[in-house]
Amino acid sequence: MKIFLPQNIFSKLIRAVVEFDLIQDGDKILIGLSGGKDSLFLTYALAALRERIARKFSLTALTIDPKFDDNFKICAEELKNFCEKLEIPHKILETDIAGAIAAQKNKKPCFTCAYFRRAAVNRTANEIFANKVAYAHHLDDAVETFFMSLLSSGQLTTFQPKTFLSRTNITVIRPLVYFRESEIEKFTAENNFGVLKSPCPIDGTTNRQTVKNLIADLGKTFPDLFSHLSSAMRKNSVGELWDAEKTKQEMKKIYFSYMKNS
């Protein structure tokens, strides 16, 4: 396969890599390859990057079979062919996430799925001596996470482009953080990537999808909403906010300073 990234695409990729210092000489990077448009694009983009930058690093792709669909193994073979054309070793790992979700009915399925996926990826990374794991989260994912966190927990937080996991000694990198989802969708469609349909039984009905739809709807009234949310994720965007809530002990001390002696 001839690997080619147009300059406008490459510029966004290299901006993230340089700004957040994502790749070092000698890195062994394990790519989370689900078969969706985002992870296919990430795999292709990292293969292109491997050819264009001075730093030497190796790539391996991992596909988790969550046991949602008996036909997933057949689809996964397409991913193996895709990786072979890019000269990237590919592994398929069965992880009974469907069974884990069924056994933990009191927990949200997305939480259970994400937990077991991450655990399987990190374990595999350690087994093959990979020091980094690359995920295909893009700018839309970051903004949605930021907005969802505000709505569900009252906190201003999102995932980082680079995160060191001390328990596993692995660094998670997200090289696609400057790409809009629509850009990735267009590129994979124009280049006829074999995008797989998500086997997730609740795909399209999650809280994340609700937030995605909400941002799109609000964007009709506030055209700059997405860019403003994106800017708000930066630490230097914080303006005037209230002080942190005082403890009971602090409040008690101030309270008695207001009261007349009885």
Protein backbone atom coordinates (compact mmCIF):
# COMPACT_ATOMS: atom_id res chain seq x y z
CA MET A 1 0.00 0.00 0.00
CA LYS A 2 1.32 3.43 -0.93
CA ILE A 3 1.13 5.55 2.20
CA PHE A 4 0.37 9.22 1.60
CA LEU A 5 -0.93 11.98 3.85
CA PRO A 6 -1.78 15.36 2.29
CA GLN A 7 0.15 18.21 3.89
CA ASN A 8 -2.92 19.66 5.62
CA ILE A 9 -3.52 16.27 7.26
CA PHE A 10 0.12 15.71 8.13
CA SER A 11 0.39 19.20 9.64
CA LYS A 12 -2.31 18.46 12.22
CA LEU A 13 -0.71 15.13 13.06
CA ILE A 14 2.81 16.50 13.50
CA ARG A 15 1.48 19.50 15.48
CA ALA A 16 0.10 17.15 18.15
CA VAL A 17 3.22 14.97 18.12
CA VAL A 18 5.54 17.98 18.53
CA GLU A 19 3.43 20.06 20.94
CA PHE A 20 2.85 17.19 23.36
CA ASP A 21 6.15 15.38 22.64
CA LEU A 22 4.39 12.09 21.90
CA ILE A 23 7.11 10.00 20.25
CA GLN A 24 10.73 9.31 21.18
CA ASP A 25 13.53 7.33 19.54
CA GLY A 26 13.16 3.64 20.27
CA ASP A 27 9.48 3.77 21.20
CA LYS A 28 7.49 0.60 20.72
CA ILE A 29 3.89 1.69 20.21
CA LEU A 30 0.83 -0.55 20.51
CA ILE A 31 -2.13 0.82 18.53
CA GLY A 32 -5.68 0.15 19.68
CA LEU A 33 -7.29 -0.89 16.38
CA SER A 34 -11.03 -1.49 16.67
CA GLY A 35 -11.72 -1.30 12.94
CA GLY A 36 -13.72 1.90 13.15
CA LYS A 37 -12.82 4.90 11.01
CA ASP A 38 -10.83 6.60 13.77
CA SER A 39 -8.53 3.71 14.64
CA LEU A 40 -8.00 2.82 10.97
CA PHE A 41 -6.98 6.41 10.28
CA LEU A 42 -4.68 6.43 13.32
CA THR A 43 -2.95 3.25 12.16
CA TYR A 44 -2.47 4.64 8.66
CA ALA A 45 -1.30 8.03 9.97
CA LEU A 46 1.29 6.49 12.30
CA ALA A 47 2.57 4.33 9.44
CA ALA A 48 2.99 7.51 7.38
CA LEU A 49 4.67 9.28 10.28
CA ARG A 50 7.10 6.39 10.68
CA GLU A 51 8.33 7.08 7.15
CA ARG A 52 8.61 10.86 7.47
CA ILE A 53 10.21 11.75 10.80
CA ALA A 54 13.77 11.25 12.01
CA ARG A 55 12.82 9.49 15.24
CA LYS A 56 12.76 5.71 14.89
CA PHE A 57 9.87 3.81 16.44
CA SER A 58 8.02 0.54 15.86
CA LEU A 59 4.30 -0.18 15.61
CA THR A 60 2.07 -3.11 16.52
CA ALA A 61 -1.73 -3.09 16.24
CA LEU A 62 -4.09 -4.84 18.64
CA THR A 63 -7.75 -5.63 18.01
CA ILE A 64 -9.93 -6.67 20.94
CA ASP A 65 -12.71 -9.15 20.16
CA PRO A 66 -15.29 -8.25 22.86
CA LYS A 67 -17.49 -11.27 22.05
CA PHE A 68 -20.44 -9.08 21.09
CA ASP A 69 -20.74 -10.67 17.65
CA ASP A 70 -19.80 -14.19 16.52
CA ASN A 71 -18.86 -12.83 13.09
CA PHE A 72 -16.30 -10.39 14.46
CA LYS A 73 -13.41 -12.78 13.83
CA ILE A 74 -14.18 -12.75 10.09
CA CYS A 75 -14.19 -8.94 10.09
CA ALA A 76 -10.96 -8.86 12.08
CA GLU A 77 -9.18 -10.67 9.25
CA GLU A 78 -9.76 -7.57 7.12
CA LEU A 79 -7.87 -5.60 9.74
CA LYS A 80 -4.99 -8.03 9.60
CA ASN A 81 -4.81 -7.54 5.81
CA PHE A 82 -4.92 -3.77 6.27
CA CYS A 83 -2.01 -3.91 8.72
CA GLU A 84 0.01 -6.25 6.51
CA LYS A 85 -0.15 -3.68 3.70
CA LEU A 86 1.23 -1.09 6.13
CA GLU A 87 3.89 -3.52 7.40
CA ILE A 88 2.49 -3.41 10.92
CA PRO A 89 2.19 -6.63 12.97
CA HIS A 90 -1.38 -7.27 14.06
CA LYS A 91 -2.76 -9.17 17.03
CA ILE A 92 -6.33 -10.22 17.84
CA LEU A 93 -7.23 -10.81 21.48
CA GLU A 94 -10.50 -12.33 22.67
CA THR A 95 -11.82 -10.64 25.81
CA ASP A 96 -15.28 -11.61 27.02
CA ILE A 97 -16.51 -8.09 27.61
CA ALA A 98 -20.06 -9.12 26.74
CA GLY A 99 -19.97 -11.65 29.57
CA ALA A 100 -18.46 -9.13 31.98
CA ILE A 101 -21.24 -6.64 31.22
CA ALA A 102 -23.89 -9.30 31.78
CA ALA A 103 -22.30 -10.25 35.10
CA GLN A 104 -22.16 -6.64 36.33
CA LYS A 105 -25.68 -5.45 35.73
CA ASN A 106 -25.38 -2.79 38.44
CA LYS A 107 -22.65 -0.97 36.48
CA LYS A 108 -22.97 1.07 33.32
CA PRO A 109 -21.98 -1.06 30.30
CA CYS A 110 -19.72 1.64 28.85
CA PHE A 111 -17.71 1.77 32.08
CA THR A 112 -17.28 -2.01 32.16
CA CYS A 113 -16.38 -2.18 28.46
CA ALA A 114 -13.79 0.61 28.73
CA TYR A 115 -12.26 -0.92 31.87
CA PHE A 116 -11.77 -4.38 30.37
CA ARG A 117 -10.55 -3.00 27.04
CA ARG A 118 -7.92 -0.84 28.72
CA ALA A 119 -6.81 -3.70 30.94
CA ALA A 120 -6.43 -6.03 27.94
CA VAL A 121 -4.52 -3.42 25.92
CA ASN A 122 -2.18 -2.55 28.78
CA ARG A 123 -1.53 -6.21 29.55
CA THR A 124 -0.68 -6.88 25.91
CA ALA A 125 1.59 -3.83 25.81
CA ASN A 126 3.54 -5.20 28.76
CA GLU A 127 3.72 -8.65 27.18
CA ILE A 128 5.28 -7.35 23.96
CA PHE A 129 7.43 -4.77 25.81
CA ALA A 130 5.64 -1.80 24.25
CA ASN A 131 6.22 1.38 26.22
CA LYS A 132 3.38 3.34 24.63
CA VAL A 133 -0.24 2.77 23.68
CA ALA A 134 -1.85 4.91 20.97
CA TYR A 135 -5.58 5.56 20.94
CA ALA A 136 -7.59 7.26 18.19
CA HIS A 137 -9.41 9.85 20.28
CA HIS A 138 -9.91 13.03 18.25
CA LEU A 139 -10.91 16.63 18.99
CA ASP A 140 -14.64 15.86 19.00
CA ASP A 141 -14.03 13.15 21.62
CA ALA A 142 -12.08 15.59 23.80
CA VAL A 143 -14.73 18.31 23.58
CA GLU A 144 -17.56 15.84 24.23
CA THR A 145 -15.69 14.45 27.26
CA PHE A 146 -15.15 17.99 28.55
CA PHE A 147 -18.82 18.95 28.14
CA MET A 148 -20.08 15.60 29.45
CA SER A 149 -17.92 15.97 32.56
CA LEU A 150 -19.42 19.38 33.26
CA LEU A 151 -22.96 18.05 32.85
CA SER A 152 -22.53 14.83 34.81
CA SER A 153 -20.04 15.76 37.55
CA GLY A 154 -19.74 19.54 37.66
CA GLN A 155 -16.03 19.32 36.84
CA LEU A 156 -14.02 20.91 34.04
CA THR A 157 -11.86 18.01 32.85
CA THR A 158 -11.06 15.94 29.78
CA PHE A 159 -8.45 13.39 28.73
CA GLN A 160 -4.84 14.42 28.08
CA PRO A 161 -2.98 14.00 24.76
CA LYS A 162 -0.29 12.16 26.74
CA THR A 163 -0.71 10.32 30.05
CA PHE A 164 1.80 8.21 31.96
CA LEU A 165 0.28 5.19 33.74
CA SER A 166 2.55 4.50 36.71
CA ARG A 167 0.98 1.15 37.59
CA THR A 168 1.79 -0.36 34.18
CA ASN A 169 4.72 1.87 33.22
CA ILE A 170 2.96 2.71 29.96
CA THR A 171 2.44 6.09 28.34
CA VAL A 172 -0.88 6.61 26.54
CA ILE A 173 -0.70 8.92 23.52
CA ARG A 174 -3.49 10.39 21.41
CA PRO A 175 -1.97 11.75 18.17
CA LEU A 176 -5.33 12.69 16.61
CA VAL A 177 -6.34 15.36 19.13
CA TYR A 178 -6.31 18.13 16.49
CA PHE A 179 -8.55 16.29 14.00
CA ARG A 180 -12.29 16.80 13.71
CA GLU A 181 -14.29 13.62 13.34
CA SER A 182 -15.66 14.83 10.00
CA GLU A 183 -12.11 15.12 8.59
CA ILE A 184 -11.33 11.54 9.55
CA GLU A 185 -14.62 10.30 8.11
CA LYS A 186 -13.94 12.08 4.82
CA PHE A 187 -10.37 10.77 4.52
CA THR A 188 -11.27 7.14 5.25
CA ALA A 189 -14.19 7.28 2.80
CA GLU A 190 -12.13 8.86 0.00
CA ASN A 191 -9.38 6.26 0.45
CA ASN A 192 -11.79 3.31 0.67
CA PHE A 193 -10.68 2.10 4.08
CA GLY A 194 -12.66 -0.97 5.08
CA VAL A 195 -14.41 0.59 8.06
CA LEU A 196 -16.09 -2.02 10.25
CA LYS A 197 -19.49 -1.52 11.81
CA SER A 198 -19.27 -1.29 15.57
CA PRO A 199 -20.34 -4.56 17.23
CA CYS A 200 -21.41 -2.65 20.35
CA PRO A 201 -25.08 -3.53 21.10
CA ILE A 202 -25.81 -0.02 22.41
CA ASP A 203 -23.91 1.91 19.75
CA GLY A 204 -25.62 5.25 19.07
CA THR A 205 -27.64 5.25 22.31
CA THR A 206 -24.96 6.15 24.87
CA ASN A 207 -24.61 9.27 27.01
CA ARG A 208 -21.73 10.31 24.76
CA GLN A 209 -24.01 10.16 21.74
CA THR A 210 -26.55 12.29 23.62
CA VAL A 211 -23.87 14.91 24.33
CA LYS A 212 -22.66 14.75 20.72
CA ASN A 213 -26.22 15.45 19.54
CA LEU A 214 -26.62 18.21 22.13
CA ILE A 215 -23.48 20.02 20.97
CA ALA A 216 -24.64 19.74 17.36
CA ASP A 217 -28.09 21.12 18.22
CA LEU A 218 -26.73 23.98 20.33
CA GLY A 219 -24.28 24.75 17.54
CA LYS A 220 -27.21 25.74 15.33
CA THR A 221 -27.94 28.61 17.71
CA PHE A 222 -24.35 29.25 18.80
CA PRO A 223 -22.16 28.64 15.71
CA ASP A 224 -18.92 29.09 17.67
CA LEU A 225 -19.89 26.67 20.44
CA PHE A 226 -17.51 23.87 19.45
CA SER A 227 -14.50 26.14 19.03
CA HIS A 228 -15.29 27.87 22.34
CA LEU A 229 -15.55 24.52 24.16
CA SER A 230 -12.27 23.49 22.56
CA SER A 231 -10.60 26.68 23.76
CA ALA A 232 -12.08 26.27 27.23
CA MET A 233 -10.17 22.99 27.67
CA ARG A 234 -6.90 24.92 27.92
CA LYS A 235 -5.60 25.76 31.39
CA ASN A 236 -5.01 29.39 30.42
CA SER A 237 -8.70 29.83 29.52
CA VAL A 238 -9.88 30.01 33.13
CA GLY A 239 -11.36 33.41 33.96
CA GLU A 240 -13.14 34.61 37.06
CA LEU A 241 -14.41 31.68 39.12
CA TRP A 242 -15.60 31.40 42.71
CA ASP A 243 -13.14 30.29 45.35
CA ALA A 244 -13.11 26.62 46.33
CA GLU A 245 -15.91 25.70 48.76
CA LYS A 246 -14.79 26.16 52.35
CA THR A 247 -14.64 23.27 54.81
CA LYS A 248 -17.00 23.06 57.77
CA GLN A 249 -14.15 24.00 60.09
CA GLU A 250 -13.33 27.10 58.04
CA MET A 251 -17.00 28.10 57.89
CA LYS A 252 -17.41 27.59 61.65
CA LYS A 253 -14.51 29.89 62.43
CA ILE A 254 -15.84 32.64 60.16
CA TYR A 255 -19.39 32.13 61.44
CA PHE A 256 -18.46 32.83 65.05
CA SER A 257 -16.57 35.96 63.98
CA TYR A 258 -19.93 37.31 62.76
CA MET A 259 -21.90 36.44 65.89
CA LYS A 260 -22.29 38.67 68.90
CA ASN A 261 -21.05 37.20 72.16
CA SER A 262 -24.03 35.70 73.97
